[in-house]
Amino acid sequence: MDDMQRAPHRWWQCFSIKNNVNALVGFSDGRRVNLDVWRSLAMFLVYVFHCFFYARYTLSPAEFEYFYSNTPLLLKWVWAGDRGVDIFFVISGFLIGNMLLTELKNTGEVALKRFYFRRLMRLIPVYWLAMLLYFLVGADSYHQLWANTLFVNNMIPVANSAMAWCWSLAVEEQFYLILPLLLYWLRAKRLLLWLLIIGVLSLFVRALVLNAGPAVAVASSKSVMFDTAIFNQFFDLLYNNLYTRFGELIVGVVGAYLRLYCAEKSRSFLRSYAGKAAQGIAWCLFFSFVFYGGFQFDAQSIFYMDSVLIKNTYLVVNRLLFALSVVVIVLSVSLFQGGEGEQRCRLTVGRTIKRGVNFWGFFAKLSYSIYVFHPFVIFASSQWVYKFYTPELAQTGVFYYGYMPLFVIITLLLSTIASVVIYLLVEKPFLNLREMNTRESTLAVMPAARAS
């Protein structure tokens, strides 16, 4: 049963707590579990990263540098938690690309009005609620919330922006403002070739942008993390812009194209020795980038060898290569159905459904609300946990293995509880209204279509 069939028939049914609870804990088929795992993983990576990274706003610069530098080897991966945003971009491009390409394939066009309406109904209710809270608490730069309202907050210097963690929402909406028009224009013009060209073009754009910012281009890896001025320049120049991040979204769209138009060829390739090798390489790249990310800001990194060329090459290619590894792993499950698909899903995510609760689906559905609201919880709690920080506790590992896990678990629990309430009362009701509107619009068109 698809979303349109499940959509309520009356507007007040959209706010039914019972129905919304059932939707939150409902089961997913194997293919959906695959994507739910990725969305949940992305959310957890970003969450843990922020728990550690936001120490820079509580500790002194010297304390924060010591805090980072003494992170135990087993926890170094947390400093690569921003890879979760890359995963969000790939999965988003995959899902939205699949929806748009399916519509193009079936009808030869894209219903732009319906598409933009659906995107706004997906994002605005929860986002505006977060902006209201940000305004009420009088947080930094709250007067810049107008930019968040227009999804252009990533165009404001990070030092002066409001809800700076929501830059990724602006990147996505800017991308999806363009993508339907791009796909429609290219629909009969070797679409896959053009998508691949655009993906490669993203590397050249990143290289040009990096070259345009000499302070960042020649900066050491260490200064990017610990020098506030360099960090802000790096963030504004290379990190939070559509023109430096569209490659990851395009990779997701390419994955959707392969699944929709080249499914049999892609399945045959993935079953071949070359395809199995590609999957192995994808897994190695995935874990390598996550693991290496924990070291990338170390002084005199053994990987960079103090080479500006190596560092800048990494800055140019790392996001796209990581996105490619994710989409290969996603396709290795999503392309297969039946017993083979279930087996591949089990190999990827293990046993995920226990005692009637879909663990991955639960957190995947809450991922948007958690992403938008979790900094409020972390900021409020960080004042408590970091007051216990001392170099002695860091050096012995007690702070990392004792205080920080407790901090992550408690704040994640609080964020999850808040997000459940927001999902049931705000997010899901508006998604229901969206589906009800879409169904009514579709039914209104059907008689005219039959008459023609």
Protein backbone atom coordinates (compact mmCIF):
# COMPACT_ATOMS: atom_id res chain seq x y z
CA MET A 1 0.00 0.00 0.00
CA ASP A 2 1.55 3.31 -1.04
CA ASP A 3 1.42 6.66 0.72
CA MET A 4 -1.47 7.87 -1.38
CA GLN A 5 -3.65 4.90 -0.42
CA ARG A 6 -2.74 5.30 3.26
CA ALA A 7 -3.46 9.04 3.29
CA PRO A 8 -6.40 10.11 5.51
CA HIS A 9 -9.62 11.03 3.79
CA ARG A 10 -10.55 13.86 6.17
CA TRP A 11 -8.28 16.64 7.40
CA TRP A 12 -8.90 15.93 11.09
CA GLN A 13 -7.74 12.34 10.58
CA CYS A 14 -4.31 13.74 9.74
CA PHE A 15 -3.87 14.63 13.42
CA SER A 16 -4.88 11.23 14.82
CA ILE A 17 -2.28 10.34 17.47
CA LYS A 18 -3.11 6.63 17.18
CA ASN A 19 -2.59 6.56 13.42
CA ASN A 20 0.57 8.61 13.64
CA VAL A 21 2.02 6.33 16.34
CA ASN A 22 1.29 3.33 14.12
CA ALA A 23 3.03 5.07 11.25
CA LEU A 24 6.07 5.82 13.43
CA VAL A 25 6.63 2.24 14.63
CA GLY A 26 5.32 0.50 11.51
CA PHE A 27 7.34 -2.09 9.62
CA SER A 28 9.29 -1.55 6.40
CA ASP A 29 10.06 -3.95 3.59
CA GLY A 30 13.65 -5.02 2.93
CA ARG A 31 14.42 -2.27 0.47
CA ARG A 32 13.10 0.42 2.78
CA VAL A 33 15.04 -1.01 5.71
CA ASN A 34 18.20 -0.58 3.63
CA LEU A 35 17.54 3.14 3.18
CA ASP A 36 16.27 3.53 6.73
CA VAL A 37 19.57 2.16 8.04
CA TRP A 38 21.49 4.76 6.04
CA ARG A 39 19.30 7.63 7.25
CA SER A 40 19.59 6.44 10.86
CA LEU A 41 23.35 5.98 10.53
CA ALA A 42 23.68 9.48 9.06
CA MET A 43 21.71 10.94 11.95
CA PHE A 44 23.80 9.10 14.58
CA LEU A 45 27.08 10.16 12.97
CA VAL A 46 26.07 13.82 12.91
CA TYR A 47 24.69 13.62 16.43
CA VAL A 48 27.83 12.16 18.00
CA PHE A 49 30.01 14.55 16.00
CA HIS A 50 28.10 17.56 17.33
CA CYS A 51 28.32 16.28 20.91
CA PHE A 52 32.11 16.41 20.59
CA PHE A 53 32.47 19.34 18.18
CA TYR A 54 30.30 21.75 20.16
CA ALA A 55 32.96 21.63 22.88
CA ARG A 56 34.63 24.40 20.89
CA TYR A 57 31.82 26.74 21.98
CA THR A 58 32.22 25.87 25.69
CA LEU A 59 35.93 25.22 26.22
CA SER A 60 38.69 27.72 25.63
CA PRO A 61 40.60 27.38 22.32
CA ALA A 62 43.56 25.78 24.11
CA GLU A 63 41.28 23.39 26.00
CA PHE A 64 39.42 22.42 22.84
CA GLU A 65 42.67 21.69 20.99
CA TYR A 66 43.82 19.51 23.88
CA PHE A 67 40.37 17.86 23.98
CA TYR A 68 40.63 16.96 20.29
CA SER A 69 44.29 15.95 20.32
CA ASN A 70 43.85 13.53 23.21
CA THR A 71 40.79 11.76 21.81
CA PRO A 72 41.50 8.01 22.19
CA LEU A 73 42.18 6.02 19.04
CA LEU A 74 38.94 4.05 19.37
CA LEU A 75 36.94 7.29 19.37
CA LYS A 76 38.79 9.19 16.66
CA TRP A 77 36.02 8.36 14.19
CA VAL A 78 33.66 10.78 15.95
CA TRP A 79 35.53 13.68 14.33
CA ALA A 80 34.42 12.32 10.95
CA GLY A 81 30.77 12.36 12.00
CA ASP A 82 30.00 15.14 9.53
CA ARG A 83 30.13 12.34 6.92
CA GLY A 84 26.55 11.84 8.01
CA VAL A 85 25.63 14.93 6.00
CA ASP A 86 27.23 13.38 2.91
CA ILE A 87 25.10 10.27 3.48
CA PHE A 88 21.97 12.43 3.85
CA PHE A 89 22.77 14.12 0.54
CA VAL A 90 23.28 10.83 -1.30
CA ILE A 91 20.11 9.22 0.09
CA SER A 92 18.13 12.40 -0.56
CA GLY A 93 19.35 12.58 -4.16
CA PHE A 94 18.57 8.88 -4.57
CA LEU A 95 14.99 9.15 -3.25
CA ILE A 96 14.03 12.46 -4.86
CA GLY A 97 15.82 11.53 -8.08
CA ASN A 98 13.92 8.24 -8.21
CA MET A 99 10.61 10.05 -7.71
CA LEU A 100 11.29 12.64 -10.41
CA LEU A 101 12.75 10.17 -12.90
CA THR A 102 9.83 7.79 -12.40
CA GLU A 103 7.40 10.63 -13.13
CA LEU A 104 9.39 11.63 -16.20
CA LYS A 105 9.47 8.05 -17.44
CA ASN A 106 5.73 7.53 -16.96
CA THR A 107 4.36 10.91 -18.04
CA GLY A 108 7.17 12.66 -19.91
CA GLU A 109 6.99 15.66 -17.60
CA VAL A 110 7.37 16.81 -13.99
CA ALA A 111 4.48 18.38 -12.09
CA LEU A 112 6.54 21.26 -10.70
CA LYS A 113 3.78 22.80 -8.61
CA ARG A 114 3.04 19.51 -6.88
CA PHE A 115 6.75 18.74 -6.39
CA TYR A 116 7.53 22.09 -4.75
CA PHE A 117 4.39 21.89 -2.63
CA ARG A 118 5.42 18.47 -1.36
CA ARG A 119 8.95 19.66 -0.55
CA LEU A 120 7.69 22.66 1.41
CA MET A 121 5.15 20.60 3.34
CA ARG A 122 7.95 18.20 4.21
CA LEU A 123 10.35 20.81 5.55
CA ILE A 124 8.59 23.98 6.66
CA PRO A 125 6.40 22.89 9.65
CA VAL A 126 9.25 21.41 11.71
CA TYR A 127 11.77 23.97 10.49
CA TRP A 128 9.59 26.95 11.35
CA LEU A 129 8.86 25.49 14.77
CA ALA A 130 12.62 25.28 15.38
CA MET A 131 13.06 28.86 14.18
CA LEU A 132 10.35 30.00 16.57
CA LEU A 133 12.16 28.32 19.46
CA TYR A 134 15.46 29.84 18.36
CA PHE A 135 13.85 33.28 18.31
CA LEU A 136 12.16 32.84 21.70
CA VAL A 137 15.39 31.88 23.45
CA GLY A 138 17.14 34.87 21.88
CA ALA A 139 20.00 32.81 20.46
CA ASP A 140 22.91 34.34 18.55
CA SER A 141 22.05 36.16 15.30
CA TYR A 142 18.33 35.41 15.64
CA HIS A 143 17.71 38.51 13.52
CA GLN A 144 19.11 36.52 10.57
CA LEU A 145 16.28 33.97 10.68
CA TRP A 146 14.78 35.58 7.58
CA ALA A 147 17.53 33.83 5.61
CA ASN A 148 16.52 30.45 7.05
CA THR A 149 12.94 31.17 6.08
CA LEU A 150 14.04 31.64 2.45
CA PHE A 151 16.54 28.73 2.56
CA VAL A 152 19.47 31.05 1.80
CA ASN A 153 21.06 30.91 5.27
CA ASN A 154 24.13 29.21 3.79
CA MET A 155 24.85 32.43 1.89
CA ILE A 156 25.41 34.34 5.14
CA PRO A 157 28.84 34.07 6.81
CA VAL A 158 28.67 31.28 9.37
CA ALA A 159 29.87 33.63 12.11
CA ASN A 160 26.71 35.74 11.63
CA SER A 161 24.17 33.07 10.70
CA ALA A 162 21.25 31.74 12.71
CA MET A 163 20.87 28.00 13.27
CA ALA A 164 24.14 27.43 11.44
CA TRP A 165 23.68 23.64 11.54
CA CYS A 166 20.75 23.96 9.11
CA TRP A 167 22.98 24.98 6.20
CA SER A 168 22.40 21.54 4.66
CA LEU A 169 18.66 22.19 4.40
CA ALA A 170 19.41 25.30 2.35
CA VAL A 171 21.75 23.33 0.07
CA GLU A 172 19.11 20.67 -0.53
CA GLU A 173 16.32 23.11 -1.28
CA GLN A 174 18.50 25.11 -3.65
CA PHE A 175 19.42 21.88 -5.43
CA TYR A 176 15.81 20.73 -5.69
CA LEU A 177 14.76 24.09 -7.02
CA ILE A 178 16.99 23.34 -10.01
CA LEU A 179 16.90 19.54 -10.35
CA PRO A 180 13.35 19.08 -11.76
CA LEU A 181 14.03 21.69 -14.43
CA LEU A 182 17.40 20.12 -15.23
CA LEU A 183 15.97 16.60 -15.54
CA TYR A 184 13.10 17.82 -17.70
CA TRP A 185 15.47 19.67 -20.02
CA LEU A 186 17.84 16.70 -20.29
CA ARG A 187 15.19 13.97 -20.39
CA ALA A 188 15.92 12.98 -24.00
CA LYS A 189 19.53 14.14 -24.24
CA ARG A 190 21.64 11.27 -22.89
CA LEU A 191 20.66 12.01 -19.33
CA LEU A 192 23.10 9.61 -17.65
CA LEU A 193 26.04 11.06 -19.57
CA TRP A 194 25.11 14.59 -18.57
CA LEU A 195 24.66 13.59 -14.93
CA LEU A 196 28.12 12.02 -14.93
CA ILE A 197 29.58 15.16 -16.55
CA ILE A 198 27.93 17.31 -13.88
CA GLY A 199 29.35 15.03 -11.19
CA VAL A 200 32.88 15.37 -12.58
CA LEU A 201 32.33 19.10 -12.96
CA SER A 202 31.74 19.31 -9.21
CA LEU A 203 35.40 18.39 -8.67
CA PHE A 204 36.62 21.21 -10.89
CA VAL A 205 34.31 23.65 -9.11
CA ARG A 206 35.69 22.62 -5.71
CA ALA A 207 39.24 23.01 -7.01
CA LEU A 208 38.54 26.47 -8.41
CA VAL A 209 36.78 27.61 -5.24
CA LEU A 210 39.59 26.31 -3.05
CA ASN A 211 42.13 28.11 -5.22
CA ALA A 212 40.10 31.30 -4.86
CA GLY A 213 40.59 31.20 -1.09
CA PRO A 214 44.35 31.34 -0.59
CA ALA A 215 44.10 31.55 3.19
CA VAL A 216 42.36 28.16 3.28
CA ALA A 217 44.37 26.65 0.42
CA VAL A 218 47.71 27.20 2.18
CA ALA A 219 46.44 26.69 5.73
CA SER A 220 47.60 23.68 7.69
CA SER A 221 45.12 20.94 8.56
CA LYS A 222 45.43 21.89 12.20
CA SER A 223 44.56 25.55 11.66
CA VAL A 224 41.37 24.64 9.77
CA MET A 225 40.04 23.10 12.97
CA PHE A 226 41.56 25.29 15.67
CA ASP A 227 42.00 28.75 14.15
CA THR A 228 38.55 30.38 14.31
CA ALA A 229 39.22 32.78 11.42
CA ILE A 230 40.50 29.99 9.14
CA PHE A 231 37.68 27.67 10.20
CA ASN A 232 35.05 30.28 9.33
CA GLN A 233 36.69 30.92 5.94
CA PHE A 234 36.84 27.18 5.25
CA PHE A 235 33.18 26.74 6.22
CA ASP A 236 31.97 29.66 4.08
CA LEU A 237 34.24 28.86 1.15
CA LEU A 238 34.13 25.10 0.74
CA TYR A 239 31.76 23.50 3.21
CA ASN A 240 28.23 24.90 3.15
CA ASN A 241 27.59 26.01 -0.45
CA LEU A 242 25.50 24.40 -3.15
CA TYR A 243 28.26 24.88 -5.71
CA THR A 244 30.75 22.93 -3.57
CA ARG A 245 28.36 20.18 -2.39
CA PHE A 246 26.09 19.40 -5.35
CA GLY A 247 28.32 16.48 -6.37
CA GLU A 248 27.05 14.29 -3.52
CA LEU A 249 23.43 14.97 -4.46
CA ILE A 250 24.14 14.23 -8.13
CA VAL A 251 25.70 10.89 -7.15
CA GLY A 252 22.39 9.98 -5.48
CA VAL A 253 20.47 10.96 -8.62
CA VAL A 254 22.83 8.82 -10.74
CA GLY A 255 22.07 5.90 -8.41
CA ALA A 256 18.34 6.46 -8.94
CA TYR A 257 18.86 6.55 -12.72
CA LEU A 258 20.77 3.24 -12.68
CA ARG A 259 18.07 1.63 -10.56
CA LEU A 260 15.26 2.83 -12.82
CA TYR A 261 16.73 2.68 -16.33
CA CYS A 262 19.68 0.25 -16.07
CA ALA A 263 18.49 -2.15 -13.39
CA GLU A 264 19.23 -5.43 -15.18
CA LYS A 265 22.66 -4.32 -16.41
CA SER A 266 23.51 -3.02 -12.96
CA ARG A 267 22.40 -6.28 -11.31
CA SER A 268 24.48 -8.32 -13.75
CA PHE A 269 27.50 -6.13 -13.04
CA LEU A 270 27.10 -6.39 -9.26
CA ARG A 271 26.90 -10.20 -9.52
CA SER A 272 30.10 -10.34 -11.58
CA TYR A 273 33.60 -10.55 -10.16
CA ALA A 274 34.22 -6.94 -11.17
CA GLY A 275 31.01 -5.90 -9.42
CA LYS A 276 31.95 -7.77 -6.25
CA ALA A 277 35.34 -6.08 -6.36
CA ALA A 278 33.61 -2.69 -6.76
CA GLN A 279 31.46 -3.40 -3.71
CA GLY A 280 34.54 -4.39 -1.73
CA ILE A 281 36.30 -1.19 -2.76
CA ALA A 282 33.19 0.80 -1.81
CA TRP A 283 33.16 -0.67 1.69
CA CYS A 284 36.90 -0.02 2.07
CA LEU A 285 36.46 3.60 0.95
CA PHE A 286 33.52 4.07 3.29
CA PHE A 287 35.36 2.87 6.39
CA SER A 288 38.61 4.53 5.35
CA PHE A 289 37.04 7.97 5.03
CA VAL A 290 35.20 7.61 8.34
CA PHE A 291 38.30 6.35 10.13
CA TYR A 292 40.70 8.80 8.47
CA GLY A 293 38.41 11.71 9.21
CA GLY A 294 39.41 11.38 12.84
CA PHE A 295 43.00 12.22 11.96
CA GLN A 296 42.61 14.80 9.23
CA PHE A 297 43.08 17.78 11.55
CA ASP A 298 46.06 16.40 13.44
CA ALA A 299 49.17 18.52 13.42
CA GLN A 300 51.72 17.11 10.95
CA SER A 301 49.32 14.38 9.87
CA ILE A 302 51.16 11.31 8.62
CA PHE A 303 48.66 11.17 5.76
CA TYR A 304 49.20 14.73 4.59
CA MET A 305 52.94 14.66 5.27
CA ASP A 306 52.74 18.45 5.56
CA SER A 307 52.00 18.62 1.82
CA VAL A 308 49.64 21.40 0.75
CA LEU A 309 49.08 19.59 -2.55
CA ILE A 310 48.02 16.35 -0.86
CA LYS A 311 45.80 18.21 1.59
CA ASN A 312 44.05 20.23 -1.13
CA THR A 313 43.64 17.20 -3.38
CA TYR A 314 41.93 15.45 -0.49
CA LEU A 315 39.69 18.46 0.12
CA VAL A 316 38.64 18.43 -3.55
CA VAL A 317 37.90 14.72 -4.05
CA ASN A 318 37.00 13.27 -0.64
CA ARG A 319 33.29 14.17 -0.61
CA LEU A 320 32.58 12.77 -4.06
CA LEU A 321 34.54 9.56 -3.47
CA PHE A 322 32.72 8.98 -0.19
CA ALA A 323 29.37 9.60 -1.91
CA LEU A 324 30.26 7.06 -4.61
CA SER A 325 31.06 4.44 -1.97
CA VAL A 326 27.67 5.03 -0.33
CA VAL A 327 25.66 4.80 -3.56
CA VAL A 328 27.39 1.56 -4.62
CA ILE A 329 26.51 -0.03 -1.27
CA VAL A 330 22.93 1.28 -1.49
CA LEU A 331 22.50 -0.11 -5.01
CA SER A 332 23.98 -3.45 -3.99
CA VAL A 333 20.80 -3.96 -1.94
CA SER A 334 18.15 -1.75 -3.57
CA LEU A 335 18.51 -3.35 -7.01
CA PHE A 336 17.58 -6.81 -5.78
CA GLN A 337 14.19 -8.18 -4.80
CA GLY A 338 12.87 -11.39 -3.29
CA GLY A 339 15.17 -13.81 -1.55
CA GLU A 340 18.36 -12.33 -2.95
CA GLY A 341 17.35 -8.83 -1.89
CA GLU A 342 16.47 -10.00 1.62
CA GLN A 343 19.77 -11.85 1.91
CA ARG A 344 21.74 -8.81 0.79
CA CYS A 345 19.80 -6.62 3.23
CA ARG A 346 20.57 -9.02 6.09
CA LEU A 347 24.24 -9.05 5.17
CA THR A 348 24.25 -5.25 5.17
CA VAL A 349 22.23 -4.42 8.26
CA GLY A 350 21.83 -7.67 10.15
CA ARG A 351 18.70 -8.46 12.15
CA THR A 352 16.99 -5.11 12.55
CA ILE A 353 13.43 -5.89 13.59
CA LYS A 354 12.87 -7.18 17.12
CA ARG A 355 9.77 -7.49 19.28
CA GLY A 356 7.54 -5.77 16.77
CA VAL A 357 9.45 -2.48 16.62
CA ASN A 358 11.29 -1.40 13.48
CA PHE A 359 14.38 0.12 15.09
CA TRP A 360 15.89 1.58 11.92
CA GLY A 361 12.58 2.79 10.56
CA PHE A 362 11.75 4.44 13.87
CA PHE A 363 14.91 6.56 13.91
CA ALA A 364 14.82 7.15 10.15
CA LYS A 365 11.38 8.72 10.47
CA LEU A 366 12.56 10.83 13.38
CA SER A 367 15.86 11.76 11.70
CA TYR A 368 14.64 15.09 10.33
CA SER A 369 13.19 16.32 13.62
CA ILE A 370 16.23 15.10 15.55
CA TYR A 371 18.56 16.78 13.06
CA VAL A 372 16.78 20.13 13.34
CA PHE A 373 16.27 20.14 17.12
CA HIS A 374 19.21 18.22 18.61
CA PRO A 375 21.58 21.25 18.85
CA PHE A 376 19.16 22.89 21.28
CA VAL A 377 19.50 19.89 23.60
CA ILE A 378 23.27 19.57 23.14
CA PHE A 379 23.94 23.28 23.72
CA ALA A 380 21.81 23.30 26.84
CA SER A 381 23.49 20.19 28.21
CA SER A 382 27.07 20.93 27.17
CA GLN A 383 27.35 23.62 29.83
CA TRP A 384 26.87 20.87 32.38
CA VAL A 385 29.12 18.13 31.00
CA TYR A 386 32.07 20.28 29.97
CA LYS A 387 32.33 21.98 33.35
CA PHE A 388 33.75 18.64 34.55
CA TYR A 389 36.42 18.67 31.84
CA THR A 390 40.04 18.78 32.96
CA PRO A 391 43.24 17.89 31.08
CA GLU A 392 43.86 15.16 33.66
CA LEU A 393 40.51 13.49 32.93
CA ALA A 394 41.21 13.77 29.21
CA GLN A 395 44.70 12.33 29.49
CA THR A 396 43.54 9.30 31.46
CA GLY A 397 40.59 8.68 29.10
CA VAL A 398 38.01 8.97 31.88
CA PHE A 399 36.31 11.95 30.24
CA TYR A 400 36.06 10.24 26.84
CA TYR A 401 34.94 6.80 28.04
CA GLY A 402 32.89 7.96 31.02
CA TYR A 403 31.47 11.45 30.70
CA MET A 404 31.09 11.64 26.90
CA PRO A 405 29.15 8.37 26.36
CA LEU A 406 26.81 9.41 29.16
CA PHE A 407 26.45 12.85 27.56
CA VAL A 408 25.63 11.33 24.16
CA ILE A 409 23.14 8.81 25.54
CA ILE A 410 21.25 11.27 27.76
CA THR A 411 21.02 14.03 25.15
CA LEU A 412 20.05 11.54 22.44
CA LEU A 413 17.28 10.20 24.67
CA LEU A 414 16.02 13.73 25.34
CA SER A 415 16.25 14.64 21.64
CA THR A 416 14.38 11.47 20.70
CA ILE A 417 11.57 12.14 23.18
CA ALA A 418 11.21 15.71 21.92
CA SER A 419 11.30 14.52 18.31
CA VAL A 420 8.60 11.89 18.93
CA VAL A 421 6.31 14.62 20.22
CA ILE A 422 7.14 16.88 17.27
CA TYR A 423 6.67 14.03 14.80
CA LEU A 424 3.25 13.06 16.19
CA LEU A 425 1.89 16.60 16.57
CA VAL A 426 3.57 18.52 13.74
CA GLU A 427 5.64 16.58 11.22
CA LYS A 428 3.40 13.60 10.51
CA PRO A 429 0.10 15.57 10.47
CA PHE A 430 1.49 17.87 7.77
CA LEU A 431 2.84 14.89 5.84
CA ASN A 432 -0.67 13.42 6.02
CA LEU A 433 -2.15 16.67 4.76
CA ARG A 434 0.37 16.61 1.93
CA GLU A 435 -0.59 13.09 0.89
CA MET A 436 -4.29 13.88 1.15
CA ASN A 437 -3.84 16.90 -1.10
CA THR A 438 -1.79 14.86 -3.57
CA ARG A 439 -4.42 12.12 -3.71
CA GLU A 440 -7.25 14.59 -4.26
CA SER A 441 -5.28 16.35 -7.00
CA THR A 442 -4.58 13.04 -8.71
CA LEU A 443 -8.20 11.91 -8.52
CA ALA A 444 -9.32 15.25 -9.94
CA VAL A 445 -7.11 14.75 -12.96
CA MET A 446 -8.15 11.14 -13.64
CA PRO A 447 -11.65 11.84 -15.09
CA ALA A 448 -10.17 14.36 -17.52
CA ALA A 449 -7.50 11.86 -18.51
CA ARG A 450 -10.12 9.16 -19.16
CA ALA A 451 -12.23 11.58 -21.17
CA SER A 452 -9.31 12.44 -23.43
